[in-house]
Amino acid sequence: MRKIPAKAYYERRARAEIRKANMTNDAASKRVHLALAASYWNHLKKLEEAKEPEVA
């Protein structure tokens, strides 16, 4: 199995959850998928912030 960078993994997972949310008609299920997508995006944002050096 090939290794994928963490950034690509979390971005792909977030987009997949958004896609699932758009395909469902159940409101509760839609909220769950959107919450998961938000969690993946937040994790991705934290990874990007950790890599960027502080600019004074």
PDB file of N, CA and C in Angstrom:
ATOM      1  N   MET A   1       0.842  -1.181   0.000  1.00  0.00           N
ATOM      2  CA  MET A   1       0.000   0.000   0.000  1.00  0.00           C
ATOM      3  C   MET A   1       0.885   1.242   0.000  1.00  0.00           C
ATOM      4  N   ARG A   2       0.554   2.195  -0.864  1.00  0.00           N
ATOM      5  CA  ARG A   2       1.401   3.383  -0.913  1.00  0.00           C
ATOM      6  C   ARG A   2       1.010   4.384   0.163  1.00  0.00           C
ATOM      7  N   LYS A   3       1.980   5.165   0.547  1.00  0.00           N
ATOM      8  CA  LYS A   3       1.766   6.143   1.603  1.00  0.00           C
ATOM      9  C   LYS A   3       1.236   7.447   1.006  1.00  0.00           C
ATOM     10  N   ILE A   4       0.190   8.005   1.615  1.00  0.00           N
ATOM     11  CA  ILE A   4      -0.325   9.285   1.141  1.00  0.00           C
ATOM     12  C   ILE A   4      -0.020  10.346   2.189  1.00  0.00           C
ATOM     13  N   PRO A   5       0.308  11.549   1.759  1.00  0.00           N
ATOM     14  CA  PRO A   5       0.562  12.622   2.723  1.00  0.00           C
ATOM     15  C   PRO A   5      -0.696  12.904   3.558  1.00  0.00           C
ATOM     16  N   ALA A   6      -0.490  13.295   4.794  1.00  0.00           N
ATOM     17  CA  ALA A   6      -1.610  13.542   5.708  1.00  0.00           C
ATOM     18  C   ALA A   6      -2.544  14.610   5.153  1.00  0.00           C
ATOM     19  N   LYS A   7      -1.975  15.645   4.549  1.00  0.00           N
ATOM     20  CA  LYS A   7      -2.797  16.732   4.011  1.00  0.00           C
ATOM     21  C   LYS A   7      -3.767  16.201   2.959  1.00  0.00           C
ATOM     22  N   ALA A   8      -3.270  15.399   2.052  1.00  0.00           N
ATOM     23  CA  ALA A   8      -4.114  14.845   0.988  1.00  0.00           C
ATOM     24  C   ALA A   8      -5.177  13.920   1.572  1.00  0.00           C
ATOM     25  N   TYR A   9      -4.810  13.143   2.573  1.00  0.00           N
ATOM     26  CA  TYR A   9      -5.744  12.208   3.194  1.00  0.00           C
ATOM     27  C   TYR A   9      -6.927  12.948   3.814  1.00  0.00           C
ATOM     28  N   TYR A  10      -6.638  13.960   4.648  1.00  0.00           N
ATOM     29  CA  TYR A  10      -7.713  14.663   5.339  1.00  0.00           C
ATOM     30  C   TYR A  10      -8.568  15.478   4.378  1.00  0.00           C
ATOM     31  N   GLU A  11      -7.945  16.038   3.341  1.00  0.00           N
ATOM     32  CA  GLU A  11      -8.723  16.782   2.354  1.00  0.00           C
ATOM     33  C   GLU A  11      -9.665  15.845   1.597  1.00  0.00           C
ATOM     34  N   ARG A  12      -9.173  14.676   1.226  1.00  0.00           N
ATOM     35  CA  ARG A  12      -9.996  13.705   0.506  1.00  0.00           C
ATOM     36  C   ARG A  12     -11.141  13.198   1.382  1.00  0.00           C
ATOM     37  N   ARG A  13     -10.850  12.925   2.660  1.00  0.00           N
ATOM     38  CA  ARG A  13     -11.901  12.454   3.570  1.00  0.00           C
ATOM     39  C   ARG A  13     -12.979  13.525   3.752  1.00  0.00           C
ATOM     40  N   ALA A  14     -12.564  14.791   3.903  1.00  0.00           N
ATOM     41  CA  ALA A  14     -13.534  15.874   4.078  1.00  0.00           C
ATOM     42  C   ALA A  14     -14.433  15.991   2.858  1.00  0.00           C
ATOM     43  N   ARG A  15     -13.836  15.945   1.672  1.00  0.00           N
ATOM     44  CA  ARG A  15     -14.631  16.050   0.442  1.00  0.00           C
ATOM     45  C   ARG A  15     -15.586  14.856   0.297  1.00  0.00           C
ATOM     46  N   ALA A  16     -15.151  13.688   0.711  1.00  0.00           N
ATOM     47  CA  ALA A  16     -16.011  12.501   0.645  1.00  0.00           C
ATOM     48  C   ALA A  16     -17.211  12.656   1.581  1.00  0.00           C
ATOM     49  N   GLU A  17     -16.983  13.201   2.763  1.00  0.00           N
ATOM     50  CA  GLU A  17     -18.092  13.393   3.711  1.00  0.00           C
ATOM     51  C   GLU A  17     -19.072  14.441   3.196  1.00  0.00           C
ATOM     52  N   ILE A  18     -18.571  15.492   2.560  1.00  0.00           N
ATOM     53  CA  ILE A  18     -19.458  16.511   1.984  1.00  0.00           C
ATOM     54  C   ILE A  18     -20.294  15.890   0.868  1.00  0.00           C
ATOM     55  N   ARG A  19     -19.661  15.051   0.062  1.00  0.00           N
ATOM     56  CA  ARG A  19     -20.374  14.363  -1.016  1.00  0.00           C
ATOM     57  C   ARG A  19     -21.484  13.481  -0.443  1.00  0.00           C
ATOM     58  N   LYS A  20     -21.174  12.751   0.632  1.00  0.00           N
ATOM     59  CA  LYS A  20     -22.181  11.887   1.265  1.00  0.00           C
ATOM     60  C   LYS A  20     -23.341  12.719   1.810  1.00  0.00           C
ATOM     61  N   ALA A  21     -23.011  13.867   2.415  1.00  0.00           N
ATOM     62  CA  ALA A  21     -24.055  14.731   2.966  1.00  0.00           C
ATOM     63  C   ALA A  21     -24.975  15.243   1.864  1.00  0.00           C
ATOM     64  N   ASN A  22     -24.404  15.550   0.711  1.00  0.00           N
ATOM     65  CA  ASN A  22     -25.216  16.053  -0.399  1.00  0.00           C
ATOM     66  C   ASN A  22     -26.095  14.971  -1.018  1.00  0.00           C
ATOM     67  N   MET A  23     -25.726  13.713  -0.846  1.00  0.00           N
ATOM     68  CA  MET A  23     -26.494  12.621  -1.450  1.00  0.00           C
ATOM     69  C   MET A  23     -27.616  12.104  -0.557  1.00  0.00           C
ATOM     70  N   THR A  24     -27.633  12.472   0.710  1.00  0.00           N
ATOM     71  CA  THR A  24     -28.647  11.940   1.617  1.00  0.00           C
ATOM     72  C   THR A  24     -29.789  12.938   1.812  1.00  0.00           C
ATOM     73  N   ASN A  25     -30.964  12.417   2.101  1.00  0.00           N
ATOM     74  CA  ASN A  25     -32.131  13.257   2.371  1.00  0.00           C
ATOM     75  C   ASN A  25     -32.444  13.325   3.863  1.00  0.00           C
ATOM     76  N   ASP A  26     -31.827  12.461   4.652  1.00  0.00           N
ATOM     77  CA  ASP A  26     -32.067  12.412   6.088  1.00  0.00           C
ATOM     78  C   ASP A  26     -31.302  13.548   6.772  1.00  0.00           C
ATOM     79  N   ALA A  27     -32.020  14.404   7.487  1.00  0.00           N
ATOM     80  CA  ALA A  27     -31.410  15.579   8.108  1.00  0.00           C
ATOM     81  C   ALA A  27     -30.355  15.204   9.150  1.00  0.00           C
ATOM     82  N   ALA A  28     -30.635  14.191   9.949  1.00  0.00           N
ATOM     83  CA  ALA A  28     -29.682  13.790  10.988  1.00  0.00           C
ATOM     84  C   ALA A  28     -28.403  13.240  10.360  1.00  0.00           C
ATOM     85  N   SER A  29     -28.564  12.433   9.342  1.00  0.00           N
ATOM     86  CA  SER A  29     -27.410  11.864   8.646  1.00  0.00           C
ATOM     87  C   SER A  29     -26.590  12.966   7.979  1.00  0.00           C
ATOM     88  N   LYS A  30     -27.277  13.942   7.402  1.00  0.00           N
ATOM     89  CA  LYS A  30     -26.600  15.061   6.747  1.00  0.00           C
ATOM     90  C   LYS A  30     -25.748  15.834   7.759  1.00  0.00           C
ATOM     91  N   ARG A  31     -26.317  16.075   8.953  1.00  0.00           N
ATOM     92  CA  ARG A  31     -25.576  16.791  10.002  1.00  0.00           C
ATOM     93  C   ARG A  31     -24.338  16.025  10.424  1.00  0.00           C
ATOM     94  N   VAL A  32     -24.465  14.710  10.543  1.00  0.00           N
ATOM     95  CA  VAL A  32     -23.327  13.876  10.943  1.00  0.00           C
ATOM     96  C   VAL A  32     -22.215  13.969   9.906  1.00  0.00           C
ATOM     97  N   HIS A  33     -22.573  13.848   8.633  1.00  0.00           N
ATOM     98  CA  HIS A  33     -21.563  13.911   7.576  1.00  0.00           C
ATOM     99  C   HIS A  33     -20.903  15.289   7.522  1.00  0.00           C
ATOM    100  N   LEU A  34     -21.685  16.341   7.692  1.00  0.00           N
ATOM    101  CA  LEU A  34     -21.109  17.687   7.666  1.00  0.00           C
ATOM    102  C   LEU A  34     -20.231  17.942   8.891  1.00  0.00           C
ATOM    103  N   ALA A  35     -20.607  17.375  10.028  1.00  0.00           N
ATOM    104  CA  ALA A  35     -19.776  17.513  11.226  1.00  0.00           C
ATOM    105  C   ALA A  35     -18.445  16.783  11.043  1.00  0.00           C
ATOM    106  N   LEU A  36     -18.490  15.603  10.442  1.00  0.00           N
ATOM    107  CA  LEU A  36     -17.252  14.870  10.161  1.00  0.00           C
ATOM    108  C   LEU A  36     -16.378  15.641   9.181  1.00  0.00           C
ATOM    109  N   ALA A  37     -16.993  16.213   8.157  1.00  0.00           N
ATOM    110  CA  ALA A  37     -16.238  17.001   7.178  1.00  0.00           C
ATOM    111  C   ALA A  37     -15.576  18.191   7.859  1.00  0.00           C
ATOM    112  N   ALA A  38     -16.303  18.866   8.735  1.00  0.00           N
ATOM    113  CA  ALA A  38     -15.738  20.009   9.453  1.00  0.00           C
ATOM    114  C   ALA A  38     -14.569  19.577  10.324  1.00  0.00           C
ATOM    115  N   SER A  39     -14.694  18.426  10.937  1.00  0.00           N
ATOM    116  CA  SER A  39     -13.615  17.904  11.773  1.00  0.00           C
ATOM    117  C   SER A  39     -12.364  17.636  10.943  1.00  0.00           C
ATOM    118  N   TYR A  40     -12.554  17.028   9.767  1.00  0.00           N
ATOM    119  CA  TYR A  40     -11.410  16.771   8.883  1.00  0.00           C
ATOM    120  C   TYR A  40     -10.774  18.079   8.415  1.00  0.00           C
ATOM    121  N   TRP A  41     -11.593  19.078   8.065  1.00  0.00           N
ATOM    122  CA  TRP A  41     -11.053  20.367   7.617  1.00  0.00           C
ATOM    123  C   TRP A  41     -10.286  21.046   8.751  1.00  0.00           C
ATOM    124  N   ASN A  42     -10.823  20.980   9.978  1.00  0.00           N
ATOM    125  CA  ASN A  42     -10.130  21.591  11.116  1.00  0.00           C
ATOM    126  C   ASN A  42      -8.788  20.914  11.362  1.00  0.00           C
ATOM    127  N   HIS A  43      -8.760  19.600  11.237  1.00  0.00           N
ATOM    128  CA  HIS A  43      -7.505  18.874  11.431  1.00  0.00           C
ATOM    129  C   HIS A  43      -6.505  19.258  10.342  1.00  0.00           C
ATOM    130  N   LEU A  44      -6.981  19.389   9.125  1.00  0.00           N
ATOM    131  CA  LEU A  44      -6.136  19.800   8.004  1.00  0.00           C
ATOM    132  C   LEU A  44      -5.578  21.199   8.242  1.00  0.00           C
ATOM    133  N   LYS A  45      -6.418  22.090   8.739  1.00  0.00           N
ATOM    134  CA  LYS A  45      -5.996  23.464   9.031  1.00  0.00           C
ATOM    135  C   LYS A  45      -4.901  23.476  10.099  1.00  0.00           C
ATOM    136  N   LYS A  46      -5.055  22.644  11.126  1.00  0.00           N
ATOM    137  CA  LYS A  46      -4.041  22.561  12.181  1.00  0.00           C
ATOM    138  C   LYS A  46      -2.721  22.027  11.639  1.00  0.00           C
ATOM    139  N   LEU A  47      -2.786  21.052  10.725  1.00  0.00           N
ATOM    140  CA  LEU A  47      -1.567  20.521  10.111  1.00  0.00           C
ATOM    141  C   LEU A  47      -0.852  21.600   9.312  1.00  0.00           C
ATOM    142  N   GLU A  48      -1.617  22.391   8.562  1.00  0.00           N
ATOM    143  CA  GLU A  48      -1.025  23.454   7.751  1.00  0.00           C
ATOM    144  C   GLU A  48      -0.422  24.542   8.628  1.00  0.00           C
ATOM    145  N   GLU A  49      -1.091  24.883   9.735  1.00  0.00           N
ATOM    146  CA  GLU A  49      -0.566  25.905  10.642  1.00  0.00           C
ATOM    147  C   GLU A  49       0.720  25.438  11.312  1.00  0.00           C
ATOM    148  N   ALA A  50       0.812  24.158  11.597  1.00  0.00           N
ATOM    149  CA  ALA A  50       2.002  23.613  12.253  1.00  0.00           C
ATOM    150  C   ALA A  50       3.208  23.654  11.320  1.00  0.00           C
ATOM    151  N   LYS A  51       2.967  23.524  10.022  1.00  0.00           N
ATOM    152  CA  LYS A  51       4.068  23.520   9.063  1.00  0.00           C
ATOM    153  C   LYS A  51       4.562  24.923   8.725  1.00  0.00           C
ATOM    154  N   GLU A  52       3.668  25.925   8.800  1.00  0.00           N
ATOM    155  CA  GLU A  52       4.048  27.288   8.437  1.00  0.00           C
ATOM    156  C   GLU A  52       4.834  27.942   9.567  1.00  0.00           C
ATOM    157  N   PRO A  53       5.988  28.537   9.247  1.00  0.00           N
ATOM    158  CA  PRO A  53       6.757  29.238  10.284  1.00  0.00           C
ATOM    159  C   PRO A  53       6.072  30.553  10.660  1.00  0.00           C
ATOM    160  N   GLU A  54       6.317  30.994  11.864  1.00  0.00           N
ATOM    161  CA  GLU A  54       5.755  32.254  12.335  1.00  0.00           C
ATOM    162  C   GLU A  54       6.401  33.418  11.597  1.00  0.00           C
ATOM    163  N   VAL A  55       5.582  34.345  11.125  1.00  0.00           N
ATOM    164  CA  VAL A  55       6.089  35.534  10.438  1.00  0.00           C
ATOM    165  C   VAL A  55       5.952  36.709  11.389  1.00  0.00           C
ATOM    166  N   ALA A  56       7.076  37.399  11.616  1.00  0.00           N
ATOM    167  CA  ALA A  56       7.056  38.517  12.567  1.00  0.00           C
ATOM    168  C   ALA A  56       6.651  39.803  11.904  1.00  0.00           C
TER     169      ALA A  56
END
